[in-house]
Amino acid sequence: MDKSEDAFRTIGEISEELGVAHHILRYWETRFPQLRPMQRAGNRRYYRPDDVALVRRIHQLVNDEGYTIKGVQKLLERKKGEGAAGEASPTTEARPAVVSALPADLVDRLQAIRDDLARALAEV
């Protein structure tokens, strides 16, 4: 049975949904002060709906759009004064300079290779 969008999620549920290892989600918590899931007995994490939205946005920016952690930090910091984190579409300014300097078709090919590698590692 699927949970309501308003329900809290465990780190395992988020990990499974996004295909991201638990340790990556815990690492993101250390890098993004906006991401603070509730912790209950035994340090079990419960992600509120806003936390889930933020994790999805970070995942999209890092894994789909090729941002670095530092680039996402800058983007979210800039958006903090504008409302919900990541609501507006990202600008190329926040992308690493090396990515912006590459031809778009090369960036697309590199992202496809990264995605293939991520899938292969997930199967291990």
PDB file of N, CA and C in Angstrom:
ATOM      1  N   MET A   1       0.834  -1.180   0.000  1.00  0.00           N
ATOM      2  CA  MET A   1       0.000   0.000   0.000  1.00  0.00           C
ATOM      3  C   MET A   1       0.880   1.246   0.000  1.00  0.00           C
ATOM      4  N   ASP A   2       0.623   2.179  -0.911  1.00  0.00           N
ATOM      5  CA  ASP A   2       1.385   3.409  -0.999  1.00  0.00           C
ATOM      6  C   ASP A   2       0.975   4.366   0.105  1.00  0.00           C
ATOM      7  N   LYS A   3       1.970   5.129   0.572  1.00  0.00           N
ATOM      8  CA  LYS A   3       1.711   6.117   1.612  1.00  0.00           C
ATOM      9  C   LYS A   3       1.168   7.393   1.002  1.00  0.00           C
ATOM     10  N   SER A   4       0.478   8.147   1.816  1.00  0.00           N
ATOM     11  CA  SER A   4       0.004   9.471   1.426  1.00  0.00           C
ATOM     12  C   SER A   4       1.215  10.373   1.194  1.00  0.00           C
ATOM     13  N   GLU A   5       1.059  11.359   0.340  1.00  0.00           N
ATOM     14  CA  GLU A   5       2.137  12.328   0.105  1.00  0.00           C
ATOM     15  C   GLU A   5       2.509  13.073   1.383  1.00  0.00           C
ATOM     16  N   ASP A   6       1.575  13.160   2.336  1.00  0.00           N
ATOM     17  CA  ASP A   6       1.808  13.875   3.586  1.00  0.00           C
ATOM     18  C   ASP A   6       2.447  13.007   4.665  1.00  0.00           C
ATOM     19  N   ALA A   7       2.592  11.718   4.403  1.00  0.00           N
ATOM     20  CA  ALA A   7       3.146  10.801   5.396  1.00  0.00           C
ATOM     21  C   ALA A   7       4.658  10.980   5.516  1.00  0.00           C
ATOM     22  N   PHE A   8       5.167  10.712   6.716  1.00  0.00           N
ATOM     23  CA  PHE A   8       6.609  10.731   6.916  1.00  0.00           C
ATOM     24  C   PHE A   8       7.195   9.500   6.236  1.00  0.00           C
ATOM     25  N   ARG A   9       8.441   9.614   5.795  1.00  0.00           N
ATOM     26  CA  ARG A   9       9.121   8.506   5.126  1.00  0.00           C
ATOM     27  C   ARG A   9      10.394   8.155   5.899  1.00  0.00           C
ATOM     28  N   THR A  10      10.743   6.887   5.883  1.00  0.00           N
ATOM     29  CA  THR A  10      12.003   6.462   6.500  1.00  0.00           C
ATOM     30  C   THR A  10      13.126   6.630   5.486  1.00  0.00           C
ATOM     31  N   ILE A  11      14.346   6.574   5.980  1.00  0.00           N
ATOM     32  CA  ILE A  11      15.502   6.680   5.087  1.00  0.00           C
ATOM     33  C   ILE A  11      15.500   5.524   4.077  1.00  0.00           C
ATOM     34  N   GLY A  12      15.024   4.360   4.510  1.00  0.00           N
ATOM     35  CA  GLY A  12      14.946   3.211   3.607  1.00  0.00           C
ATOM     36  C   GLY A  12      13.966   3.432   2.471  1.00  0.00           C
ATOM     37  N   GLU A  13      12.832   4.055   2.782  1.00  0.00           N
ATOM     38  CA  GLU A  13      11.832   4.335   1.748  1.00  0.00           C
ATOM     39  C   GLU A  13      12.361   5.347   0.732  1.00  0.00           C
ATOM     40  N   ILE A  14      13.032   6.388   1.221  1.00  0.00           N
ATOM     41  CA  ILE A  14      13.598   7.398   0.320  1.00  0.00           C
ATOM     42  C   ILE A  14      14.707   6.776  -0.520  1.00  0.00           C
ATOM     43  N   SER A  15      15.545   5.992   0.133  1.00  0.00           N
ATOM     44  CA  SER A  15      16.648   5.327  -0.556  1.00  0.00           C
ATOM     45  C   SER A  15      16.131   4.455  -1.696  1.00  0.00           C
ATOM     46  N   GLU A  16      15.099   3.683  -1.418  1.00  0.00           N
ATOM     47  CA  GLU A  16      14.526   2.795  -2.435  1.00  0.00           C
ATOM     48  C   GLU A  16      13.879   3.587  -3.570  1.00  0.00           C
ATOM     49  N   GLU A  17      13.127   4.623  -3.207  1.00  0.00           N
ATOM     50  CA  GLU A  17      12.441   5.429  -4.222  1.00  0.00           C
ATOM     51  C   GLU A  17      13.422   6.057  -5.208  1.00  0.00           C
ATOM     52  N   LEU A  18      14.513   6.605  -4.691  1.00  0.00           N
ATOM     53  CA  LEU A  18      15.448   7.343  -5.539  1.00  0.00           C
ATOM     54  C   LEU A  18      16.607   6.494  -6.047  1.00  0.00           C
ATOM     55  N   GLY A  19      16.795   5.315  -5.473  1.00  0.00           N
ATOM     56  CA  GLY A  19      17.944   4.499  -5.860  1.00  0.00           C
ATOM     57  C   GLY A  19      19.245   5.079  -5.345  1.00  0.00           C
ATOM     58  N   VAL A  20      19.170   5.680  -4.159  1.00  0.00           N
ATOM     59  CA  VAL A  20      20.332   6.314  -3.541  1.00  0.00           C
ATOM     60  C   VAL A  20      20.630   5.573  -2.242  1.00  0.00           C
ATOM     61  N   ALA A  21      21.887   5.255  -2.017  1.00  0.00           N
ATOM     62  CA  ALA A  21      22.270   4.534  -0.804  1.00  0.00           C
ATOM     63  C   ALA A  21      22.005   5.368   0.446  1.00  0.00           C
ATOM     64  N   HIS A  22      21.767   4.678   1.555  1.00  0.00           N
ATOM     65  CA  HIS A  22      21.503   5.355   2.828  1.00  0.00           C
ATOM     66  C   HIS A  22      22.632   6.316   3.193  1.00  0.00           C
ATOM     67  N   HIS A  23      23.881   5.877   2.984  1.00  0.00           N
ATOM     68  CA  HIS A  23      25.004   6.726   3.389  1.00  0.00           C
ATOM     69  C   HIS A  23      25.053   8.021   2.577  1.00  0.00           C
ATOM     70  N   ILE A  24      24.565   7.999   1.348  1.00  0.00           N
ATOM     71  CA  ILE A  24      24.515   9.215   0.541  1.00  0.00           C
ATOM     72  C   ILE A  24      23.494  10.185   1.141  1.00  0.00           C
ATOM     73  N   LEU A  25      22.355   9.672   1.526  1.00  0.00           N
ATOM     74  CA  LEU A  25      21.332  10.531   2.150  1.00  0.00           C
ATOM     75  C   LEU A  25      21.854  11.122   3.453  1.00  0.00           C
ATOM     76  N   ARG A  26      22.553  10.324   4.254  1.00  0.00           N
ATOM     77  CA  ARG A  26      23.128  10.848   5.503  1.00  0.00           C
ATOM     78  C   ARG A  26      24.203  11.889   5.203  1.00  0.00           C
ATOM     79  N   TYR A  27      24.990  11.666   4.139  1.00  0.00           N
ATOM     80  CA  TYR A  27      26.006  12.644   3.726  1.00  0.00           C
ATOM     81  C   TYR A  27      25.344  13.960   3.325  1.00  0.00           C
ATOM     82  N   TRP A  28      24.264  13.874   2.560  1.00  0.00           N
ATOM     83  CA  TRP A  28      23.563  15.097   2.158  1.00  0.00           C
ATOM     84  C   TRP A  28      23.095  15.877   3.373  1.00  0.00           C
ATOM     85  N   GLU A  29      22.691  15.184   4.425  1.00  0.00           N
ATOM     86  CA  GLU A  29      22.271  15.870   5.652  1.00  0.00           C
ATOM     87  C   GLU A  29      23.410  16.708   6.232  1.00  0.00           C
ATOM     88  N   THR A  30      24.660  16.253   6.052  1.00  0.00           N
ATOM     89  CA  THR A  30      25.801  17.019   6.563  1.00  0.00           C
ATOM     90  C   THR A  30      26.140  18.201   5.668  1.00  0.00           C
ATOM     91  N   ARG A  31      25.732  18.159   4.419  1.00  0.00           N
ATOM     92  CA  ARG A  31      26.077  19.204   3.459  1.00  0.00           C
ATOM     93  C   ARG A  31      24.976  20.242   3.236  1.00  0.00           C
ATOM     94  N   PHE A  32      23.751  19.890   3.570  1.00  0.00           N
ATOM     95  CA  PHE A  32      22.619  20.785   3.338  1.00  0.00           C
ATOM     96  C   PHE A  32      21.902  21.036   4.662  1.00  0.00           C
ATOM     97  N   PRO A  33      22.154  22.192   5.283  1.00  0.00           N
ATOM     98  CA  PRO A  33      21.529  22.470   6.580  1.00  0.00           C
ATOM     99  C   PRO A  33      20.007  22.516   6.506  1.00  0.00           C
ATOM    100  N   GLN A  34      19.456  22.715   5.307  1.00  0.00           N
ATOM    101  CA  GLN A  34      18.003  22.734   5.132  1.00  0.00           C
ATOM    102  C   GLN A  34      17.403  21.342   5.333  1.00  0.00           C
ATOM    103  N   LEU A  35      18.216  20.303   5.159  1.00  0.00           N
ATOM    104  CA  LEU A  35      17.743  18.918   5.237  1.00  0.00           C
ATOM    105  C   LEU A  35      17.959  18.388   6.651  1.00  0.00           C
ATOM    106  N   ARG A  36      16.910  18.385   7.432  1.00  0.00           N
ATOM    107  CA  ARG A  36      16.970  17.930   8.823  1.00  0.00           C
ATOM    108  C   ARG A  36      15.785  17.031   9.146  1.00  0.00           C
ATOM    109  N   PRO A  37      15.859  15.742   8.766  1.00  0.00           N
ATOM    110  CA  PRO A  37      14.754  14.848   9.116  1.00  0.00           C
ATOM    111  C   PRO A  37      14.676  14.676  10.630  1.00  0.00           C
ATOM    112  N   MET A  38      13.481  14.356  11.105  1.00  0.00           N
ATOM    113  CA  MET A  38      13.306  14.070  12.535  1.00  0.00           C
ATOM    114  C   MET A  38      14.059  12.788  12.857  1.00  0.00           C
ATOM    115  N   GLN A  39      14.607  12.720  14.057  1.00  0.00           N
ATOM    116  CA  GLN A  39      15.251  11.488  14.498  1.00  0.00           C
ATOM    117  C   GLN A  39      14.572  11.026  15.775  1.00  0.00           C
ATOM    118  N   ARG A  40      14.192   9.775  15.774  1.00  0.00           N
ATOM    119  CA  ARG A  40      13.513   9.192  16.935  1.00  0.00           C
ATOM    120  C   ARG A  40      14.425   8.160  17.581  1.00  0.00           C
ATOM    121  N   ALA A  41      13.860   7.306  18.386  1.00  0.00           N
ATOM    122  CA  ALA A  41      14.624   6.300  19.119  1.00  0.00           C
ATOM    123  C   ALA A  41      15.589   5.556  18.205  1.00  0.00           C
ATOM    124  N   GLY A  42      16.790   5.369  18.685  1.00  0.00           N
ATOM    125  CA  GLY A  42      17.789   4.659  17.899  1.00  0.00           C
ATOM    126  C   GLY A  42      18.261   5.454  16.695  1.00  0.00           C
ATOM    127  N   ASN A  43      18.078   6.771  16.713  1.00  0.00           N
ATOM    128  CA  ASN A  43      18.458   7.660  15.605  1.00  0.00           C
ATOM    129  C   ASN A  43      17.763   7.306  14.304  1.00  0.00           C
ATOM    130  N   ARG A  44      16.608   6.699  14.371  1.00  0.00           N
ATOM    131  CA  ARG A  44      15.836   6.379  13.159  1.00  0.00           C
ATOM    132  C   ARG A  44      15.312   7.675  12.562  1.00  0.00           C
ATOM    133  N   ARG A  45      15.572   7.878  11.266  1.00  0.00           N
ATOM    134  CA  ARG A  45      15.205   9.108  10.585  1.00  0.00           C
ATOM    135  C   ARG A  45      13.805   9.027   9.999  1.00  0.00           C
ATOM    136  N   TYR A  46      13.079  10.129  10.144  1.00  0.00           N
ATOM    137  CA  TYR A  46      11.764  10.259   9.525  1.00  0.00           C
ATOM    138  C   TYR A  46      11.744  11.554   8.729  1.00  0.00           C
ATOM    139  N   TYR A  47      11.596  11.405   7.430  1.00  0.00           N
ATOM    140  CA  TYR A  47      11.597  12.557   6.526  1.00  0.00           C
ATOM    141  C   TYR A  47      10.187  13.104   6.383  1.00  0.00           C
ATOM    142  N   ARG A  48      10.019  14.381   6.711  1.00  0.00           N
ATOM    143  CA  ARG A  48       8.745  15.075   6.531  1.00  0.00           C
ATOM    144  C   ARG A  48       8.548  15.346   5.039  1.00  0.00           C
ATOM    145  N   PRO A  49       7.335  15.676   4.613  1.00  0.00           N
ATOM    146  CA  PRO A  49       7.096  15.946   3.187  1.00  0.00           C
ATOM    147  C   PRO A  49       8.050  17.007   2.597  1.00  0.00           C
ATOM    148  N   ASP A  50       8.361  18.056   3.356  1.00  0.00           N
ATOM    149  CA  ASP A  50       9.302  19.067   2.856  1.00  0.00           C
ATOM    150  C   ASP A  50      10.708  18.492   2.696  1.00  0.00           C
ATOM    151  N   ASP A  51      11.104  17.609   3.629  1.00  0.00           N
ATOM    152  CA  ASP A  51      12.408  16.951   3.522  1.00  0.00           C
ATOM    153  C   ASP A  51      12.460  16.070   2.274  1.00  0.00           C
ATOM    154  N   VAL A  52      11.366  15.350   2.039  1.00  0.00           N
ATOM    155  CA  VAL A  52      11.293  14.455   0.871  1.00  0.00           C
ATOM    156  C   VAL A  52      11.418  15.273  -0.412  1.00  0.00           C
ATOM    157  N   ALA A  53      10.721  16.406  -0.479  1.00  0.00           N
ATOM    158  CA  ALA A  53      10.797  17.271  -1.666  1.00  0.00           C
ATOM    159  C   ALA A  53      12.219  17.784  -1.865  1.00  0.00           C
ATOM    160  N   LEU A  54      12.880  18.156  -0.781  1.00  0.00           N
ATOM    161  CA  LEU A  54      14.248  18.653  -0.879  1.00  0.00           C
ATOM    162  C   LEU A  54      15.197  17.550  -1.339  1.00  0.00           C
ATOM    163  N   VAL A  55      15.059  16.348  -0.788  1.00  0.00           N
ATOM    164  CA  VAL A  55      15.914  15.232  -1.198  1.00  0.00           C
ATOM    165  C   VAL A  55      15.708  14.930  -2.683  1.00  0.00           C
ATOM    166  N   ARG A  56      14.463  14.944  -3.133  1.00  0.00           N
ATOM    167  CA  ARG A  56      14.193  14.709  -4.561  1.00  0.00           C
ATOM    168  C   ARG A  56      14.859  15.781  -5.415  1.00  0.00           C
ATOM    169  N   ARG A  57      14.805  17.032  -4.960  1.00  0.00           N
ATOM    170  CA  ARG A  57      15.407  18.143  -5.719  1.00  0.00           C
ATOM    171  C   ARG A  57      16.923  18.005  -5.761  1.00  0.00           C
ATOM    172  N   ILE A  58      17.542  17.694  -4.626  1.00  0.00           N
ATOM    173  CA  ILE A  58      18.992  17.495  -4.590  1.00  0.00           C
ATOM    174  C   ILE A  58      19.372  16.351  -5.524  1.00  0.00           C
ATOM    175  N   HIS A  59      18.627  15.251  -5.446  1.00  0.00           N
ATOM    176  CA  HIS A  59      18.894  14.096  -6.309  1.00  0.00           C
ATOM    177  C   HIS A  59      18.808  14.485  -7.784  1.00  0.00           C
ATOM    178  N   GLN A  60      17.775  15.232  -8.135  1.00  0.00           N
ATOM    179  CA  GLN A  60      17.604  15.665  -9.526  1.00  0.00           C
ATOM    180  C   GLN A  60      18.792  16.522  -9.975  1.00  0.00           C
ATOM    181  N   LEU A  61      19.169  17.482  -9.161  1.00  0.00           N
ATOM    182  CA  LEU A  61      20.254  18.389  -9.538  1.00  0.00           C
ATOM    183  C   LEU A  61      21.590  17.659  -9.655  1.00  0.00           C
ATOM    184  N   VAL A  62      21.885  16.774  -8.717  1.00  0.00           N
ATOM    185  CA  VAL A  62      23.172  16.068  -8.717  1.00  0.00           C
ATOM    186  C   VAL A  62      23.210  14.980  -9.768  1.00  0.00           C
ATOM    187  N   ASN A  63      22.179  14.148  -9.806  1.00  0.00           N
ATOM    188  CA  ASN A  63      22.230  12.961 -10.653  1.00  0.00           C
ATOM    189  C   ASN A  63      21.667  13.143 -12.050  1.00  0.00           C
ATOM    190  N   ASP A  64      20.726  14.051 -12.233  1.00  0.00           N
ATOM    191  CA  ASP A  64      20.143  14.234 -13.559  1.00  0.00           C
ATOM    192  C   ASP A  64      20.724  15.441 -14.293  1.00  0.00           C
ATOM    193  N   GLU A  65      21.032  16.485 -13.544  1.00  0.00           N
ATOM    194  CA  GLU A  65      21.465  17.725 -14.183  1.00  0.00           C
ATOM    195  C   GLU A  65      22.964  17.991 -14.068  1.00  0.00           C
ATOM    196  N   GLY A  66      23.692  17.139 -13.354  1.00  0.00           N
ATOM    197  CA  GLY A  66      25.144  17.223 -13.339  1.00  0.00           C
ATOM    198  C   GLY A  66      25.762  18.253 -12.406  1.00  0.00           C
ATOM    199  N   TYR A  67      25.004  18.734 -11.438  1.00  0.00           N
ATOM    200  CA  TYR A  67      25.568  19.681 -10.485  1.00  0.00           C
ATOM    201  C   TYR A  67      26.487  18.968  -9.503  1.00  0.00           C
ATOM    202  N   THR A  68      27.438  19.719  -8.973  1.00  0.00           N
ATOM    203  CA  THR A  68      28.243  19.224  -7.870  1.00  0.00           C
ATOM    204  C   THR A  68      27.502  19.547  -6.578  1.00  0.00           C
ATOM    205  N   ILE A  69      27.935  18.968  -5.478  1.00  0.00           N
ATOM    206  CA  ILE A  69      27.332  19.283  -4.179  1.00  0.00           C
ATOM    207  C   ILE A  69      27.476  20.775  -3.908  1.00  0.00           C
ATOM    208  N   LYS A  70      28.651  21.310  -4.176  1.00  0.00           N
ATOM    209  CA  LYS A  70      28.889  22.743  -3.950  1.00  0.00           C
ATOM    210  C   LYS A  70      27.955  23.597  -4.824  1.00  0.00           C
ATOM    211  N   GLY A  71      27.732  23.191  -6.055  1.00  0.00           N
ATOM    212  CA  GLY A  71      26.829  23.915  -6.943  1.00  0.00           C
ATOM    213  C   GLY A  71      25.395  23.899  -6.429  1.00  0.00           C
ATOM    214  N   VAL A  72      24.956  22.748  -5.909  1.00  0.00           N
ATOM    215  CA  VAL A  72      23.606  22.650  -5.350  1.00  0.00           C
ATOM    216  C   VAL A  72      23.506  23.504  -4.093  1.00  0.00           C
ATOM    217  N   GLN A  73      24.551  23.497  -3.271  1.00  0.00           N
ATOM    218  CA  GLN A  73      24.552  24.334  -2.069  1.00  0.00           C
ATOM    219  C   GLN A  73      24.363  25.803  -2.442  1.00  0.00           C
ATOM    220  N   LYS A  74      25.099  26.257  -3.450  1.00  0.00           N
ATOM    221  CA  LYS A  74      24.980  27.654  -3.883  1.00  0.00           C
ATOM    222  C   LYS A  74      23.583  27.946  -4.420  1.00  0.00           C
ATOM    223  N   LEU A  75      23.063  27.030  -5.202  1.00  0.00           N
ATOM    224  CA  LEU A  75      21.730  27.214  -5.775  1.00  0.00           C
ATOM    225  C   LEU A  75      20.667  27.298  -4.683  1.00  0.00           C
ATOM    226  N   LEU A  76      20.718  26.385  -3.724  1.00  0.00           N
ATOM    227  CA  LEU A  76      19.730  26.377  -2.646  1.00  0.00           C
ATOM    228  C   LEU A  76      19.884  27.603  -1.748  1.00  0.00           C
ATOM    229  N   GLU A  77      21.096  28.017  -1.522  1.00  0.00           N
ATOM    230  CA  GLU A  77      21.326  29.219  -0.704  1.00  0.00           C
ATOM    231  C   GLU A  77      20.727  30.443  -1.379  1.00  0.00           C
ATOM    232  N   ARG A  78      20.909  30.536  -2.693  1.00  0.00           N
ATOM    233  CA  ARG A  78      20.350  31.651  -3.461  1.00  0.00           C
ATOM    234  C   ARG A  78      18.824  31.630  -3.436  1.00  0.00           C
ATOM    235  N   LYS A  79      18.245  30.425  -3.467  1.00  0.00           N
ATOM    236  CA  LYS A  79      16.791  30.284  -3.512  1.00  0.00           C
ATOM    237  C   LYS A  79      16.150  30.446  -2.140  1.00  0.00           C
ATOM    238  N   LYS A  80      16.966  30.401  -1.063  1.00  0.00           N
ATOM    239  CA  LYS A  80      16.418  30.451   0.292  1.00  0.00           C
ATOM    240  C   LYS A  80      15.550  31.690   0.503  1.00  0.00           C
ATOM    241  N   GLY A  81      15.962  32.812  -0.005  1.00  0.00           N
ATOM    242  CA  GLY A  81      15.196  34.037   0.150  1.00  0.00           C
ATOM    243  C   GLY A  81      13.992  34.114  -0.770  1.00  0.00           C
ATOM    244  N   GLU A  82      13.915  33.219  -1.743  1.00  0.00           N
ATOM    245  CA  GLU A  82      12.834  33.268  -2.732  1.00  0.00           C
ATOM    246  C   GLU A  82      11.697  32.297  -2.427  1.00  0.00           C
ATOM    247  N   GLY A  83      11.728  31.611  -1.309  1.00  0.00           N
ATOM    248  CA  GLY A  83      10.661  30.659  -0.980  1.00  0.00           C
ATOM    249  C   GLY A  83      11.198  29.257  -0.893  1.00  0.00           C
ATOM    250  N   ALA A  84      10.393  28.283  -1.320  1.00  0.00           N
ATOM    251  CA  ALA A  84      10.751  26.868  -1.204  1.00  0.00           C
ATOM    252  C   ALA A  84      12.020  26.564  -1.974  1.00  0.00           C
ATOM    253  N   ALA A  85      12.863  25.744  -1.395  1.00  0.00           N
ATOM    254  CA  ALA A  85      14.138  25.399  -2.003  1.00  0.00           C
ATOM    255  C   ALA A  85      13.949  24.721  -3.344  1.00  0.00           C
ATOM    256  N   GLY A  86      14.620  25.265  -4.354  1.00  0.00           N
ATOM    257  CA  GLY A  86      14.627  24.615  -5.647  1.00  0.00           C
ATOM    258  C   GLY A  86      13.373  24.758  -6.464  1.00  0.00           C
ATOM    259  N   GLU A  87      12.454  25.638  -6.098  1.00  0.00           N
ATOM    260  CA  GLU A  87      11.225  25.784  -6.869  1.00  0.00           C
ATOM    261  C   GLU A  87      11.513  26.315  -8.270  1.00  0.00           C
ATOM    262  N   ALA A  88      12.389  27.304  -8.355  1.00  0.00           N
ATOM    263  CA  ALA A  88      12.707  27.886  -9.661  1.00  0.00           C
ATOM    264  C   ALA A  88      13.683  26.970 -10.387  1.00  0.00           C
ATOM    265  N   SER A  89      13.697  27.049 -11.686  1.00  0.00           N
ATOM    266  CA  SER A  89      14.629  26.204 -12.420  1.00  0.00           C
ATOM    267  C   SER A  89      16.039  26.758 -12.285  1.00  0.00           C
ATOM    268  N   PRO A  90      17.030  25.867 -12.238  1.00  0.00           N
ATOM    269  CA  PRO A  90      18.402  26.286 -12.017  1.00  0.00           C
ATOM    270  C   PRO A  90      18.963  27.044 -13.203  1.00  0.00           C
ATOM    271  N   THR A  91      19.942  27.887 -12.920  1.00  0.00           N
ATOM    272  CA  THR A  91      20.612  28.624 -13.979  1.00  0.00           C
ATOM    273  C   THR A  91      21.948  27.960 -14.268  1.00  0.00           C
ATOM    274  N   THR A  92      22.487  28.214 -15.428  1.00  0.00           N
ATOM    275  CA  THR A  92      23.785  27.634 -15.761  1.00  0.00           C
ATOM    276  C   THR A  92      24.880  28.238 -14.893  1.00  0.00           C
ATOM    277  N   GLU A  93      24.617  29.384 -14.280  1.00  0.00           N
ATOM    278  CA  GLU A  93      25.605  30.014 -13.407  1.00  0.00           C
ATOM    279  C   GLU A  93      26.012  29.100 -12.259  1.00  0.00           C
ATOM    280  N   ALA A  94      25.091  28.321 -11.724  1.00  0.00           N
ATOM    281  CA  ALA A  94      25.382  27.436 -10.603  1.00  0.00           C
ATOM    282  C   ALA A  94      26.086  26.158 -11.039  1.00  0.00           C
ATOM    283  N   ARG A  95      26.072  25.862 -12.327  1.00  0.00           N
ATOM    284  CA  ARG A  95      26.757  24.673 -12.812  1.00  0.00           C
ATOM    285  C   ARG A  95      28.263  24.883 -12.731  1.00  0.00           C
ATOM    286  N   PRO A  96      28.999  23.805 -12.541  1.00  0.00           N
ATOM    287  CA  PRO A  96      30.451  23.941 -12.541  1.00  0.00           C
ATOM    288  C   PRO A  96      30.913  24.516 -13.877  1.00  0.00           C
ATOM    289  N   ALA A  97      31.922  25.378 -13.831  1.00  0.00           N
ATOM    290  CA  ALA A  97      32.407  26.036 -15.042  1.00  0.00           C
ATOM    291  C   ALA A  97      32.842  25.026 -16.096  1.00  0.00           C
ATOM    292  N   VAL A  98      33.435  23.935 -15.664  1.00  0.00           N
ATOM    293  CA  VAL A  98      33.907  22.948 -16.625  1.00  0.00           C
ATOM    294  C   VAL A  98      32.742  22.342 -17.408  1.00  0.00           C
ATOM    295  N   VAL A  99      31.602  22.134 -16.766  1.00  0.00           N
ATOM    296  CA  VAL A  99      30.439  21.582 -17.461  1.00  0.00           C
ATOM    297  C   VAL A  99      29.865  22.612 -18.421  1.00  0.00           C
ATOM    298  N   SER A 100      29.781  23.855 -17.992  1.00  0.00           N
ATOM    299  CA  SER A 100      29.234  24.905 -18.852  1.00  0.00           C
ATOM    300  C   SER A 100      30.070  25.119 -20.101  1.00  0.00           C
ATOM    301  N   ALA A 101      31.370  24.838 -20.007  1.00  0.00           N
ATOM    302  CA  ALA A 101      32.266  25.057 -21.138  1.00  0.00           C
ATOM    303  C   ALA A 101      32.214  23.930 -22.166  1.00  0.00           C
ATOM    304  N   LEU A 102      31.615  22.808 -21.817  1.00  0.00           N
ATOM    305  CA  LEU A 102      31.566  21.664 -22.724  1.00  0.00           C
ATOM    306  C   LEU A 102      30.392  21.774 -23.686  1.00  0.00           C
ATOM    307  N   PRO A 103      30.545  21.212 -24.882  1.00  0.00           N
ATOM    308  CA  PRO A 103      29.412  21.177 -25.814  1.00  0.00           C
ATOM    309  C   PRO A 103      28.255  20.369 -25.208  1.00  0.00           C
ATOM    310  N   ALA A 104      27.032  20.811 -25.468  1.00  0.00           N
ATOM    311  CA  ALA A 104      25.840  20.187 -24.881  1.00  0.00           C
ATOM    312  C   ALA A 104      25.754  18.700 -25.202  1.00  0.00           C
ATOM    313  N   ASP A 105      26.111  18.297 -26.441  1.00  0.00           N
ATOM    314  CA  ASP A 105      26.018  16.880 -26.789  1.00  0.00           C
ATOM    315  C   ASP A 105      27.010  16.038 -25.992  1.00  0.00           C
ATOM    316  N   LEU A 106      28.173  16.600 -25.673  1.00  0.00           N
ATOM    317  CA  LEU A 106      29.152  15.886 -24.861  1.00  0.00           C
ATOM    318  C   LEU A 106      28.645  15.740 -23.427  1.00  0.00           C
ATOM    319  N   VAL A 107      28.053  16.799 -22.893  1.00  0.00           N
ATOM    320  CA  VAL A 107      27.491  16.737 -21.542  1.00  0.00           C
ATOM    321  C   VAL A 107      26.410  15.663 -21.486  1.00  0.00           C
ATOM    322  N   ASP A 108      25.552  15.618 -22.496  1.00  0.00           N
ATOM    323  CA  ASP A 108      24.498  14.601 -22.551  1.00  0.00           C
ATOM    324  C   ASP A 108      25.087  13.193 -22.576  1.00  0.00           C
ATOM    325  N   ARG A 109      26.147  12.992 -23.379  1.00  0.00           N
ATOM    326  CA  ARG A 109      26.775  11.668 -23.459  1.00  0.00           C
ATOM    327  C   ARG A 109      27.420  11.295 -22.125  1.00  0.00           C
ATOM    328  N   LEU A 110      28.089  12.266 -21.487  1.00  0.00           N
ATOM    329  CA  LEU A 110      28.724  11.999 -20.196  1.00  0.00           C
ATOM    330  C   LEU A 110      27.684  11.673 -19.122  1.00  0.00           C
ATOM    331  N   GLN A 111      26.560  12.373 -19.136  1.00  0.00           N
ATOM    332  CA  GLN A 111      25.505  12.088 -18.171  1.00  0.00           C
ATOM    333  C   GLN A 111      24.914  10.705 -18.408  1.00  0.00           C
ATOM    334  N   ALA A 112      24.791  10.315 -19.662  1.00  0.00           N
ATOM    335  CA  ALA A 112      24.285   8.974 -19.972  1.00  0.00           C
ATOM    336  C   ALA A 112      25.255   7.905 -19.466  1.00  0.00           C
ATOM    337  N   ILE A 113      26.551   8.144 -19.635  1.00  0.00           N
ATOM    338  CA  ILE A 113      27.561   7.203 -19.132  1.00  0.00           C
ATOM    339  C   ILE A 113      27.480   7.125 -17.605  1.00  0.00           C
ATOM    340  N   ARG A 114      27.349   8.296 -16.948  1.00  0.00           N
ATOM    341  CA  ARG A 114      27.233   8.318 -15.489  1.00  0.00           C
ATOM    342  C   ARG A 114      26.018   7.514 -15.037  1.00  0.00           C
ATOM    343  N   ASP A 115      24.893   7.701 -15.726  1.00  0.00           N
ATOM    344  CA  ASP A 115      23.668   6.984 -15.372  1.00  0.00           C
ATOM    345  C   ASP A 115      23.847   5.478 -15.564  1.00  0.00           C
ATOM    346  N   ASP A 116      24.513   5.082 -16.656  1.00  0.00           N
ATOM    347  CA  ASP A 116      24.776   3.664 -16.901  1.00  0.00           C
ATOM    348  C   ASP A 116      25.655   3.078 -15.793  1.00  0.00           C
ATOM    349  N   LEU A 117      26.679   3.827 -15.391  1.00  0.00           N
ATOM    350  CA  LEU A 117      27.560   3.369 -14.315  1.00  0.00           C
ATOM    351  C   LEU A 117      26.805   3.242 -12.997  1.00  0.00           C
ATOM    352  N   ALA A 118      25.950   4.211 -12.708  1.00  0.00           N
ATOM    353  CA  ALA A 118      25.161   4.166 -11.471  1.00  0.00           C
ATOM    354  C   ALA A 118      24.253   2.937 -11.450  1.00  0.00           C
ATOM    355  N   ARG A 119      23.629   2.654 -12.591  1.00  0.00           N
ATOM    356  CA  ARG A 119      22.771   1.466 -12.667  1.00  0.00           C
ATOM    357  C   ARG A 119      23.585   0.183 -12.496  1.00  0.00           C
ATOM    358  N   ALA A 120      24.764   0.145 -13.129  1.00  0.00           N
ATOM    359  CA  ALA A 120      25.609  -1.043 -13.018  1.00  0.00           C
ATOM    360  C   ALA A 120      26.081  -1.251 -11.579  1.00  0.00           C
ATOM    361  N   LEU A 121      26.436  -0.180 -10.901  1.00  0.00           N
ATOM    362  CA  LEU A 121      26.872  -0.289  -9.510  1.00  0.00           C
ATOM    363  C   LEU A 121      25.735  -0.690  -8.597  1.00  0.00           C
ATOM    364  N   ALA A 122      24.534  -0.261  -8.922  1.00  0.00           N
ATOM    365  CA  ALA A 122      23.372  -0.619  -8.107  1.00  0.00           C
ATOM    366  C   ALA A 122      23.075  -2.114  -8.195  1.00  0.00           C
ATOM    367  N   GLU A 123      23.475  -2.733  -9.294  1.00  0.00           N
ATOM    368  CA  GLU A 123      23.210  -4.159  -9.492  1.00  0.00           C
ATOM    369  C   GLU A 123      24.238  -5.037  -8.780  1.00  0.00           C
ATOM    370  N   VAL A 124      25.338  -4.435  -8.358  1.00  0.00           N
ATOM    371  CA  VAL A 124      26.420  -5.202  -7.711  1.00  0.00           C
ATOM    372  C   VAL A 124      26.024  -5.613  -6.325  1.00  0.00           C
TER     373      VAL A 124
END
